[in-house]
Protein backbone atom coordinates (compact mmCIF):
# COMPACT_ATOMS: atom_id res chain seq x y z
CA MET A 1 73.08 109.79 104.65
CA GLY A 2 71.86 106.57 103.00
CA ARG A 3 70.13 103.73 104.80
CA TRP A 4 73.13 101.41 104.71
CA GLN A 5 76.45 102.03 106.44
CA GLY A 6 78.01 98.75 105.37
CA ILE A 7 77.47 95.32 103.85
CA PHE A 8 78.06 91.88 105.33
CA LEU A 9 78.81 89.56 102.44
CA ASP A 10 78.96 85.77 102.38
CA PHE A 11 81.74 84.22 100.30
CA TYR A 12 81.25 80.61 99.21
CA GLY A 13 78.09 80.27 97.15
CA THR A 14 77.67 84.05 96.94
CA LEU A 15 80.91 85.51 95.57
CA ALA A 16 82.59 82.23 94.67
CA SER A 17 80.98 79.09 93.38
CA GLY A 18 79.72 76.80 96.08
CA ASP A 19 81.07 73.35 96.71
CA LEU A 20 78.36 71.33 94.93
CA LEU A 21 80.60 69.97 92.16
CA ALA A 22 83.52 69.44 94.53
CA VAL A 23 81.37 67.56 97.06
CA GLU A 24 79.76 65.39 94.39
CA SER A 25 83.21 64.67 92.93
CA VAL A 26 84.43 63.54 96.35
CA CYS A 27 81.36 61.35 96.75
CA GLN A 28 81.91 59.76 93.35
CA ARG A 29 85.51 58.94 94.27
CA VAL A 30 84.34 57.32 97.51
CA ILE A 31 81.74 55.31 95.57
CA ASP A 32 84.35 54.14 93.07
CA ASP A 33 87.05 53.42 95.65
CA TYR A 34 84.85 51.52 98.11
CA GLY A 35 82.21 50.03 95.81
CA VAL A 36 79.38 51.96 97.45
CA ASP A 37 75.92 51.30 96.02
CA ALA A 38 74.74 54.92 95.78
CA GLN A 39 74.54 57.88 93.45
CA ALA A 40 77.01 60.70 94.07
CA SER A 41 74.26 63.32 94.21
CA HIS A 42 72.30 61.36 96.82
CA LEU A 43 75.39 60.65 98.91
CA ALA A 44 76.27 64.36 98.76
CA VAL A 45 72.85 65.30 100.15
CA GLN A 46 73.15 62.75 102.96
CA TRP A 47 76.62 64.04 103.80
CA GLY A 48 75.29 67.60 103.70
CA HIS A 49 72.56 66.81 106.22
CA ARG A 50 75.07 65.35 108.68
CA TYR A 51 77.47 68.23 108.04
CA PHE A 52 74.88 70.92 108.76
CA ALA A 53 73.58 69.05 111.79
CA ALA A 54 77.13 68.98 113.17
CA ILE A 55 77.50 72.71 112.59
CA GLU A 56 74.20 73.36 114.38
CA ALA A 57 75.48 71.39 117.38
CA ILE A 58 78.57 73.57 117.82
CA ASP A 59 78.73 75.95 120.74
CA GLY A 60 81.45 78.32 121.92
CA GLY A 61 83.05 75.76 124.18
CA GLY A 62 83.08 72.91 121.70
CA PHE A 63 84.16 74.56 118.49
CA ARG A 64 85.50 72.36 115.69
CA SER A 65 86.94 73.48 112.37
CA LEU A 66 85.08 72.80 109.14
CA ARG A 67 87.86 70.44 108.08
CA GLU A 68 87.25 68.35 111.19
CA ILE A 69 83.49 68.39 110.65
CA GLU A 70 83.84 67.48 106.96
CA HIS A 71 86.15 64.60 107.85
CA ASP A 72 84.03 63.11 110.62
CA THR A 73 80.67 63.50 108.90
CA LEU A 74 81.95 61.90 105.68
CA ILE A 75 83.03 58.86 107.68
CA GLU A 76 79.64 58.75 109.43
CA THR A 77 77.75 59.08 106.14
CA VAL A 78 79.59 56.28 104.35
CA ALA A 79 79.84 53.89 107.33
CA PRO A 80 76.41 52.25 106.89
CA LEU A 81 77.22 51.60 103.21
CA ALA A 82 80.89 50.59 103.24
CA GLY A 83 82.20 50.57 106.78
CA ARG A 84 84.80 53.00 108.05
CA ILE A 85 86.79 54.76 105.33
CA ASP A 86 89.99 56.79 105.34
CA ALA A 87 88.45 60.22 104.74
CA LYS A 88 91.61 62.33 104.79
CA PRO A 89 92.50 62.14 101.06
CA TYR A 90 88.98 63.17 100.08
CA ILE A 91 88.87 66.07 102.52
CA ASP A 92 92.30 67.22 101.33
CA ASP A 93 90.91 67.40 97.79
CA LEU A 94 87.81 69.27 98.93
CA ASN A 95 89.84 71.86 100.80
CA GLN A 96 92.17 72.31 97.86
CA TYR A 97 89.11 73.31 95.86
CA LEU A 98 88.08 75.77 98.59
CA LEU A 99 91.45 77.50 98.22
CA GLN A 100 90.81 78.19 94.52
CA PRO A 101 87.06 78.44 93.89
CA THR A 102 85.67 80.07 90.76
CA LEU A 103 84.21 83.57 91.11
CA TYR A 104 80.77 84.13 89.64
CA ASP A 105 80.77 86.11 86.40
CA GLU A 106 79.45 89.41 87.76
CA VAL A 107 81.48 89.55 90.98
CA ARG A 108 84.48 91.65 89.90
CA GLU A 109 82.27 94.13 88.02
CA VAL A 110 80.01 94.58 91.05
CA LEU A 111 82.84 94.90 93.56
CA GLU A 112 84.60 97.50 91.40
CA GLN A 113 81.48 99.68 91.41
CA LEU A 114 80.54 99.15 95.05
CA ALA A 115 81.25 102.19 97.20
CA LEU A 116 79.89 100.87 100.51
CA PRO A 117 82.39 99.14 102.82
CA VAL A 118 82.19 95.35 102.97
CA CYS A 119 82.81 92.83 105.71
CA ILE A 120 83.05 89.21 104.59
CA VAL A 121 81.12 86.94 106.99
CA SER A 122 81.74 83.33 106.02
CA ASN A 123 81.32 79.85 107.40
CA ALA A 124 84.87 78.88 106.51
CA ASP A 125 88.16 77.94 108.08
CA GLU A 126 90.58 80.85 108.18
CA CYS A 127 93.22 79.20 106.00
CA GLU A 128 90.89 78.35 103.14
CA LEU A 129 89.03 81.68 103.20
CA GLN A 130 92.15 83.83 103.30
CA GLY A 131 93.78 81.61 100.68
CA ALA A 132 90.80 81.98 98.34
CA LEU A 133 90.75 85.76 98.75
CA ALA A 134 94.47 85.94 98.05
CA HIS A 135 94.11 83.62 95.05
CA HIS A 136 91.65 86.04 93.46
CA GLY A 137 93.40 89.21 94.66
CA LEU A 138 90.32 90.32 96.62
CA GLN A 139 90.64 92.76 99.50
CA PHE A 140 87.85 93.83 101.84
CA ASP A 141 87.53 96.24 104.74
CA HIS A 142 87.02 93.36 107.19
CA VAL A 143 86.93 89.55 107.05
CA VAL A 144 85.23 87.35 109.65
CA SER A 145 85.51 83.58 109.29
CA SER A 146 83.64 81.11 111.46
CA GLU A 147 87.00 79.98 112.80
CA LEU A 148 87.85 83.54 113.85
CA ALA A 149 84.46 84.02 115.53
CA ARG A 150 84.36 80.45 116.93
CA SER A 151 80.82 80.35 115.66
CA TYR A 152 78.89 79.25 112.57
CA LYS A 153 76.02 80.99 110.84
CA PRO A 154 73.12 81.05 111.69
CA ASP A 155 74.45 81.41 115.25
CA HIS A 156 74.26 85.00 116.45
CA ARG A 157 77.87 85.17 117.63
CA ILE A 158 79.50 85.29 114.21
CA PHE A 159 77.32 88.26 113.26
CA GLU A 160 77.96 89.94 116.61
CA THR A 161 81.69 89.49 116.05
CA ALA A 162 81.35 91.25 112.69
CA LEU A 163 79.28 94.06 114.21
CA GLU A 164 81.87 94.58 116.94
CA LEU A 165 84.74 94.54 114.44
CA THR A 166 83.12 97.03 112.07
CA GLY A 167 81.38 99.23 114.63
CA TRP A 168 78.28 99.30 112.42
CA PRO A 169 74.84 99.28 114.08
CA PRO A 170 72.72 96.29 112.99
CA GLU A 171 69.94 98.47 111.60
CA ARG A 172 72.43 100.07 109.18
CA VAL A 173 73.77 96.74 107.85
CA ILE A 174 72.49 94.33 105.23
CA HIS A 175 73.79 90.78 105.01
CA VAL A 176 73.93 89.19 101.56
CA GLY A 177 74.21 85.43 101.15
CA ASP A 178 72.99 82.34 99.34
CA SER A 179 71.49 80.36 102.24
CA LEU A 180 68.03 81.03 103.62
CA HIS A 181 68.90 79.13 106.76
CA SER A 182 72.45 80.26 107.51
CA ASP A 183 72.53 83.74 105.97
CA VAL A 184 68.98 85.05 106.11
CA GLY A 185 68.02 83.27 109.31
CA GLY A 186 71.25 84.17 111.06
CA ALA A 187 71.12 87.85 110.12
CA ARG A 188 67.53 88.14 111.27
CA ARG A 189 68.48 86.81 114.71
CA VAL A 190 70.52 89.94 115.39
CA GLY A 191 68.25 92.49 113.71
CA ILE A 192 70.15 92.69 110.41
CA SER A 193 68.30 92.93 107.10
CA ALA A 194 69.08 90.18 104.60
CA ALA A 195 69.25 89.69 100.84
CA TRP A 196 69.09 86.15 99.48
CA VAL A 197 71.14 85.44 96.35
CA SER A 198 69.11 82.61 94.84
CA ARG A 199 71.63 80.81 92.68
CA ALA A 200 70.88 77.32 91.35
CA GLU A 201 74.13 75.59 92.31
CA ARG A 202 73.34 74.39 95.82
CA ILE A 203 73.23 70.88 97.23
CA SER A 204 70.19 71.79 99.33
CA ASP A 205 68.91 74.60 101.54
CA ILE A 206 67.08 73.66 104.70
CA GLY A 207 65.89 77.20 105.34
CA THR A 208 62.40 78.65 105.16
CA GLU A 209 63.23 82.17 106.37
CA LYS A 210 61.92 85.15 104.41
CA PRO A 211 64.56 87.58 103.08
CA ASP A 212 64.07 91.31 102.66
CA PHE A 213 65.32 90.98 99.07
CA THR A 214 65.68 88.05 96.67
CA TRP A 215 68.23 88.44 93.87
CA PRO A 216 69.35 86.13 91.04
CA ASP A 217 72.94 87.39 91.36
CA LEU A 218 74.91 90.23 92.97
CA ARG A 219 74.12 92.99 90.48
CA PRO A 220 71.17 94.37 92.52
CA LEU A 221 73.66 95.02 95.31
CA LEU A 222 74.62 98.19 93.48
CA THR A 223 71.08 99.59 93.82
CA LEU A 224 71.61 99.85 97.59
CA GLN A 225 73.81 102.86 96.87
CA ASP A 226 71.04 104.77 95.10
């Protein structure tokens, strides 16, 4: 019997391209529409900091969807520069992107060769995540969204939900994701090993956690079967 019984796999930023370009595009539209004196890349980072802080503040009794968090934190980010904006059109565009993200080049090849069972563990609203999987015709043994678990990585509850759903013991699972903070840090909290997929297309990563493995893409995932 091999070391690993199953794989927890992040989706956005790991299997599918992250939202960097989509977020910066939204920020540029806000800048153009409201005459904001800022660069899109800088505004995206500021929005990202508020967004992640809002996620960190969530607990089981006060859960909010990502759409709600995106909406409110965009308003808060732009307010000091342009007053209160109507954020809904911009968030609609962002979530339309999340329904049809681009898969990274190696993903289909790796998934076709992967024999170990996979559980998707993603900070995502259920509608967008399931829509993106359907858009690409991807099927997995299990799928756990933050909305399903009422919890966001790195909180322990989303990982515990996935462990309960799969029945896999934490010492026999590896979690693979693109965020040191959310993926590596969250997995470590519940005794799960972690591989960090260090892709370049991220707005920022606030994490300093140390992964068990660091990979440039998903191809090394196949070596876990050796």
